[in-house]
Amino acid sequence: MASKDEPRNDARARGAHEDPPQVENPEANPKQTPPAGNQQKDPEDWVTGHEPMTGAQASYLKTLTEQARAPDLYDPQLDKAEASKRIDELRERTGKA
């Protein structure tokens, strides 16, 4: 053990840390690979799909209908599931998919 007057060479004593080992299997770290099942769920199966669309959905839908030159496709009364489907359709139509 080093005396009080001698500096310690131990990296941990200096506040340094070691990086964790690299993960070989991306499935082992859920933050690196999002679960596939959640992102591909049919909007008809969403628990909250019947609720009014979110503000973000409404804004994006409005933008897409303008870009597609189809303002009649914007309906502020759509629910979340219907808005999601309409957004997907318009993304394909405008080449944003």
N, C-alpha and C. Protein backbone atom coordinates (compact mmCIF):
# COMPACT_ATOMS: atom_id res chain seq x y z
N MET A 1 0.85 -1.19 0.00
CA MET A 1 0.00 0.00 0.00
C MET A 1 0.88 1.24 0.00
N ALA A 2 0.46 2.26 -0.73
CA ALA A 2 1.24 3.50 -0.82
C ALA A 2 1.05 4.30 0.45
N SER A 3 2.09 5.02 0.81
CA SER A 3 1.98 5.88 1.99
C SER A 3 1.19 7.13 1.63
N LYS A 4 0.88 7.94 2.64
CA LYS A 4 0.11 9.16 2.41
C LYS A 4 0.83 10.12 1.48
N ASP A 5 2.15 10.11 1.50
CA ASP A 5 2.93 11.05 0.71
C ASP A 5 3.13 10.60 -0.73
N GLU A 6 2.93 9.30 -1.02
CA GLU A 6 3.15 8.78 -2.36
C GLU A 6 1.83 8.76 -3.14
N PRO A 7 1.84 9.22 -4.41
CA PRO A 7 0.60 9.15 -5.20
C PRO A 7 0.28 7.69 -5.52
N ARG A 8 -0.98 7.38 -5.56
CA ARG A 8 -1.41 6.03 -5.90
C ARG A 8 -1.49 5.90 -7.41
N ASN A 9 -1.09 4.78 -7.93
CA ASN A 9 -1.15 4.52 -9.37
C ASN A 9 -2.42 3.78 -9.75
N ASP A 10 -3.22 3.46 -8.81
CA ASP A 10 -4.46 2.73 -9.06
C ASP A 10 -5.45 3.65 -9.80
N ALA A 11 -5.92 3.24 -11.00
CA ALA A 11 -6.82 4.06 -11.81
C ALA A 11 -8.10 4.39 -11.07
N ARG A 12 -8.59 3.44 -10.30
CA ARG A 12 -9.83 3.71 -9.55
C ARG A 12 -9.63 4.78 -8.50
N ALA A 13 -8.44 4.86 -7.95
CA ALA A 13 -8.17 5.87 -6.94
C ALA A 13 -8.17 7.26 -7.55
N ARG A 14 -7.87 7.36 -8.84
CA ARG A 14 -7.85 8.66 -9.52
C ARG A 14 -9.23 9.03 -10.06
N GLY A 15 -10.23 8.19 -9.83
CA GLY A 15 -11.57 8.49 -10.31
C GLY A 15 -11.84 7.98 -11.70
N ALA A 16 -10.89 7.31 -12.32
CA ALA A 16 -11.10 6.76 -13.66
C ALA A 16 -11.94 5.49 -13.56
N HIS A 17 -12.55 5.13 -14.64
CA HIS A 17 -13.33 3.90 -14.66
C HIS A 17 -13.05 3.16 -15.96
N GLU A 18 -13.36 1.89 -15.92
CA GLU A 18 -13.19 1.09 -17.12
C GLU A 18 -14.50 1.07 -17.89
N ASP A 19 -14.41 1.10 -19.21
CA ASP A 19 -15.61 0.96 -20.03
C ASP A 19 -16.12 -0.46 -19.92
N PRO A 20 -17.43 -0.63 -19.97
CA PRO A 20 -17.97 -2.00 -19.93
C PRO A 20 -17.57 -2.73 -21.20
N PRO A 21 -17.50 -4.05 -21.14
CA PRO A 21 -17.13 -4.81 -22.33
C PRO A 21 -18.17 -4.62 -23.43
N GLN A 22 -17.74 -4.71 -24.70
CA GLN A 22 -18.64 -4.60 -25.83
C GLN A 22 -19.61 -5.78 -25.83
N VAL A 23 -20.83 -5.51 -26.15
CA VAL A 23 -21.85 -6.55 -26.19
C VAL A 23 -21.80 -7.21 -27.57
N GLU A 24 -21.60 -8.50 -27.58
CA GLU A 24 -21.54 -9.24 -28.85
C GLU A 24 -22.93 -9.41 -29.45
N ASN A 25 -23.91 -9.67 -28.61
CA ASN A 25 -25.26 -9.96 -29.06
C ASN A 25 -26.12 -8.71 -28.87
N PRO A 26 -26.53 -8.03 -29.94
CA PRO A 26 -27.35 -6.82 -29.77
C PRO A 26 -28.67 -7.10 -29.08
N GLU A 27 -29.13 -8.34 -29.11
CA GLU A 27 -30.38 -8.70 -28.41
C GLU A 27 -30.19 -8.60 -26.90
N ALA A 28 -28.94 -8.69 -26.45
CA ALA A 28 -28.67 -8.65 -25.02
C ALA A 28 -28.85 -7.24 -24.45
N ASN A 29 -28.81 -6.23 -25.30
CA ASN A 29 -28.97 -4.85 -24.84
C ASN A 29 -30.23 -4.28 -25.48
N PRO A 30 -31.33 -4.24 -24.74
CA PRO A 30 -32.59 -3.77 -25.34
C PRO A 30 -32.57 -2.32 -25.79
N LYS A 31 -31.66 -1.51 -25.27
CA LYS A 31 -31.59 -0.12 -25.69
C LYS A 31 -31.00 0.02 -27.10
N GLN A 32 -30.23 -0.97 -27.54
CA GLN A 32 -29.65 -0.91 -28.87
C GLN A 32 -30.61 -1.42 -29.93
N THR A 33 -31.47 -2.35 -29.58
CA THR A 33 -32.39 -2.95 -30.54
C THR A 33 -33.81 -2.84 -30.00
N PRO A 34 -34.64 -1.97 -30.57
CA PRO A 34 -36.01 -1.85 -30.08
C PRO A 34 -36.79 -3.13 -30.35
N PRO A 35 -37.76 -3.43 -29.51
CA PRO A 35 -38.55 -4.64 -29.74
C PRO A 35 -39.33 -4.54 -31.04
N ALA A 36 -39.22 -5.55 -31.87
CA ALA A 36 -39.86 -5.53 -33.18
C ALA A 36 -41.38 -5.65 -33.06
N GLY A 37 -41.86 -6.40 -32.10
CA GLY A 37 -43.29 -6.64 -31.98
C GLY A 37 -44.11 -5.39 -31.77
N ASN A 38 -43.60 -4.45 -31.02
CA ASN A 38 -44.35 -3.24 -30.70
C ASN A 38 -44.47 -2.31 -31.90
N GLN A 39 -43.45 -2.24 -32.71
CA GLN A 39 -43.44 -1.26 -33.78
C GLN A 39 -44.23 -1.72 -35.00
N GLN A 40 -44.54 -2.98 -35.11
CA GLN A 40 -45.24 -3.47 -36.28
C GLN A 40 -46.70 -3.81 -35.98
N LYS A 41 -47.18 -3.44 -34.82
CA LYS A 41 -48.54 -3.76 -34.43
C LYS A 41 -49.55 -3.01 -35.31
N ASP A 42 -50.55 -3.71 -35.75
CA ASP A 42 -51.60 -3.12 -36.57
C ASP A 42 -52.35 -2.07 -35.75
N PRO A 43 -52.54 -0.88 -36.30
CA PRO A 43 -53.26 0.16 -35.55
C PRO A 43 -54.64 -0.28 -35.05
N GLU A 44 -55.27 -1.21 -35.76
CA GLU A 44 -56.57 -1.71 -35.31
C GLU A 44 -56.47 -2.45 -33.98
N ASP A 45 -55.26 -2.93 -33.67
CA ASP A 45 -55.04 -3.69 -32.44
C ASP A 45 -54.54 -2.82 -31.28
N TRP A 46 -54.35 -1.53 -31.54
CA TRP A 46 -53.87 -0.64 -30.48
C TRP A 46 -54.93 -0.51 -29.40
N VAL A 47 -54.49 -0.54 -28.15
CA VAL A 47 -55.41 -0.38 -27.02
C VAL A 47 -56.03 1.03 -27.04
N THR A 48 -55.24 2.03 -27.42
CA THR A 48 -55.71 3.42 -27.43
C THR A 48 -56.04 3.91 -28.83
N GLY A 49 -56.18 3.00 -29.77
CA GLY A 49 -56.41 3.38 -31.16
C GLY A 49 -57.70 4.14 -31.39
N HIS A 50 -58.67 3.97 -30.50
CA HIS A 50 -59.97 4.64 -30.66
C HIS A 50 -59.96 6.07 -30.11
N GLU A 51 -58.88 6.45 -29.42
CA GLU A 51 -58.80 7.79 -28.85
C GLU A 51 -58.50 8.81 -29.96
N PRO A 52 -58.83 10.08 -29.75
CA PRO A 52 -58.54 11.09 -30.77
C PRO A 52 -57.05 11.12 -31.10
N MET A 53 -56.74 11.44 -32.35
CA MET A 53 -55.33 11.50 -32.75
C MET A 53 -54.60 12.52 -31.91
N THR A 54 -53.30 12.31 -31.79
CA THR A 54 -52.47 13.21 -31.00
C THR A 54 -52.21 14.50 -31.78
N GLY A 55 -51.73 15.49 -31.08
CA GLY A 55 -51.37 16.75 -31.74
C GLY A 55 -50.28 16.55 -32.77
N ALA A 56 -49.33 15.67 -32.46
CA ALA A 56 -48.24 15.40 -33.41
C ALA A 56 -48.80 14.72 -34.66
N GLN A 57 -49.72 13.78 -34.49
CA GLN A 57 -50.32 13.13 -35.65
C GLN A 57 -51.08 14.14 -36.50
N ALA A 58 -51.85 15.00 -35.84
CA ALA A 58 -52.64 16.00 -36.57
C ALA A 58 -51.73 16.93 -37.37
N SER A 59 -50.67 17.38 -36.76
CA SER A 59 -49.74 18.30 -37.43
C SER A 59 -49.08 17.62 -38.63
N TYR A 60 -48.60 16.39 -38.43
CA TYR A 60 -47.93 15.68 -39.51
C TYR A 60 -48.91 15.35 -40.64
N LEU A 61 -50.11 14.95 -40.26
CA LEU A 61 -51.13 14.63 -41.25
C LEU A 61 -51.47 15.87 -42.08
N LYS A 62 -51.59 17.00 -41.43
CA LYS A 62 -51.87 18.26 -42.14
C LYS A 62 -50.75 18.57 -43.13
N THR A 63 -49.51 18.43 -42.68
CA THR A 63 -48.36 18.68 -43.55
C THR A 63 -48.36 17.74 -44.75
N LEU A 64 -48.60 16.44 -44.50
CA LEU A 64 -48.59 15.47 -45.59
C LEU A 64 -49.72 15.71 -46.59
N THR A 65 -50.91 16.09 -46.11
CA THR A 65 -52.01 16.34 -47.04
C THR A 65 -51.70 17.54 -47.92
N GLU A 66 -51.03 18.54 -47.35
CA GLU A 66 -50.64 19.70 -48.15
C GLU A 66 -49.59 19.32 -49.18
N GLN A 67 -48.61 18.51 -48.77
CA GLN A 67 -47.57 18.09 -49.70
C GLN A 67 -48.12 17.20 -50.81
N ALA A 68 -49.14 16.42 -50.49
CA ALA A 68 -49.76 15.54 -51.49
C ALA A 68 -50.79 16.28 -52.33
N ARG A 69 -50.99 17.56 -52.03
CA ARG A 69 -52.00 18.38 -52.71
C ARG A 69 -53.38 17.72 -52.61
N ALA A 70 -53.66 17.22 -51.40
CA ALA A 70 -54.94 16.56 -51.14
C ALA A 70 -55.48 17.00 -49.78
N PRO A 71 -55.77 18.30 -49.63
CA PRO A 71 -56.22 18.79 -48.33
C PRO A 71 -57.51 18.15 -47.83
N ASP A 72 -58.29 17.59 -48.75
CA ASP A 72 -59.55 16.94 -48.35
C ASP A 72 -59.30 15.65 -47.56
N LEU A 73 -58.06 15.13 -47.59
CA LEU A 73 -57.74 13.92 -46.83
C LEU A 73 -57.46 14.21 -45.36
N TYR A 74 -57.36 15.50 -45.02
CA TYR A 74 -57.18 15.86 -43.61
C TYR A 74 -58.54 15.90 -42.94
N ASP A 75 -58.68 15.11 -41.87
CA ASP A 75 -59.93 15.08 -41.11
C ASP A 75 -59.56 15.19 -39.64
N PRO A 76 -59.87 16.30 -38.99
CA PRO A 76 -59.50 16.48 -37.59
C PRO A 76 -60.22 15.53 -36.64
N GLN A 77 -61.21 14.80 -37.13
CA GLN A 77 -61.97 13.88 -36.28
C GLN A 77 -61.41 12.45 -36.27
N LEU A 78 -60.31 12.21 -36.98
CA LEU A 78 -59.75 10.86 -37.02
C LEU A 78 -59.26 10.43 -35.64
N ASP A 79 -59.37 9.12 -35.37
CA ASP A 79 -58.79 8.62 -34.14
C ASP A 79 -57.33 8.23 -34.41
N LYS A 80 -56.63 7.81 -33.37
CA LYS A 80 -55.20 7.50 -33.51
C LYS A 80 -54.94 6.45 -34.58
N ALA A 81 -55.73 5.38 -34.56
CA ALA A 81 -55.51 4.29 -35.52
C ALA A 81 -55.76 4.76 -36.95
N GLU A 82 -56.88 5.49 -37.17
CA GLU A 82 -57.19 5.97 -38.51
C GLU A 82 -56.14 6.97 -39.00
N ALA A 83 -55.69 7.84 -38.09
CA ALA A 83 -54.67 8.83 -38.45
C ALA A 83 -53.37 8.13 -38.84
N SER A 84 -53.01 7.09 -38.10
CA SER A 84 -51.79 6.36 -38.42
C SER A 84 -51.85 5.74 -39.81
N LYS A 85 -52.98 5.14 -40.13
CA LYS A 85 -53.15 4.54 -41.46
C LYS A 85 -53.10 5.61 -42.55
N ARG A 86 -53.76 6.73 -42.32
CA ARG A 86 -53.77 7.81 -43.31
C ARG A 86 -52.36 8.37 -43.50
N ILE A 87 -51.63 8.51 -42.41
CA ILE A 87 -50.24 8.99 -42.49
C ILE A 87 -49.40 8.02 -43.31
N ASP A 88 -49.55 6.73 -43.07
CA ASP A 88 -48.80 5.74 -43.85
C ASP A 88 -49.13 5.85 -45.34
N GLU A 89 -50.41 6.00 -45.65
CA GLU A 89 -50.83 6.13 -47.06
C GLU A 89 -50.21 7.37 -47.70
N LEU A 90 -50.26 8.48 -46.99
CA LEU A 90 -49.74 9.73 -47.53
C LEU A 90 -48.22 9.73 -47.62
N ARG A 91 -47.57 9.04 -46.71
CA ARG A 91 -46.11 8.92 -46.81
C ARG A 91 -45.72 8.18 -48.08
N GLU A 92 -46.47 7.14 -48.39
CA GLU A 92 -46.20 6.40 -49.63
C GLU A 92 -46.45 7.31 -50.84
N ARG A 93 -47.55 8.02 -50.79
CA ARG A 93 -47.95 8.90 -51.89
C ARG A 93 -46.96 10.02 -52.15
N THR A 94 -46.38 10.55 -51.06
CA THR A 94 -45.44 11.66 -51.20
C THR A 94 -43.98 11.22 -51.27
N GLY A 95 -43.76 9.90 -51.22
CA GLY A 95 -42.39 9.39 -51.29
C GLY A 95 -41.61 9.53 -50.02
N LYS A 96 -42.28 9.68 -48.91
CA LYS A 96 -41.60 9.84 -47.62
C LYS A 96 -41.51 8.53 -46.85
N ALA A 97 -41.98 7.46 -47.42
CA ALA A 97 -41.99 6.16 -46.72
C ALA A 97 -40.62 5.54 -46.71
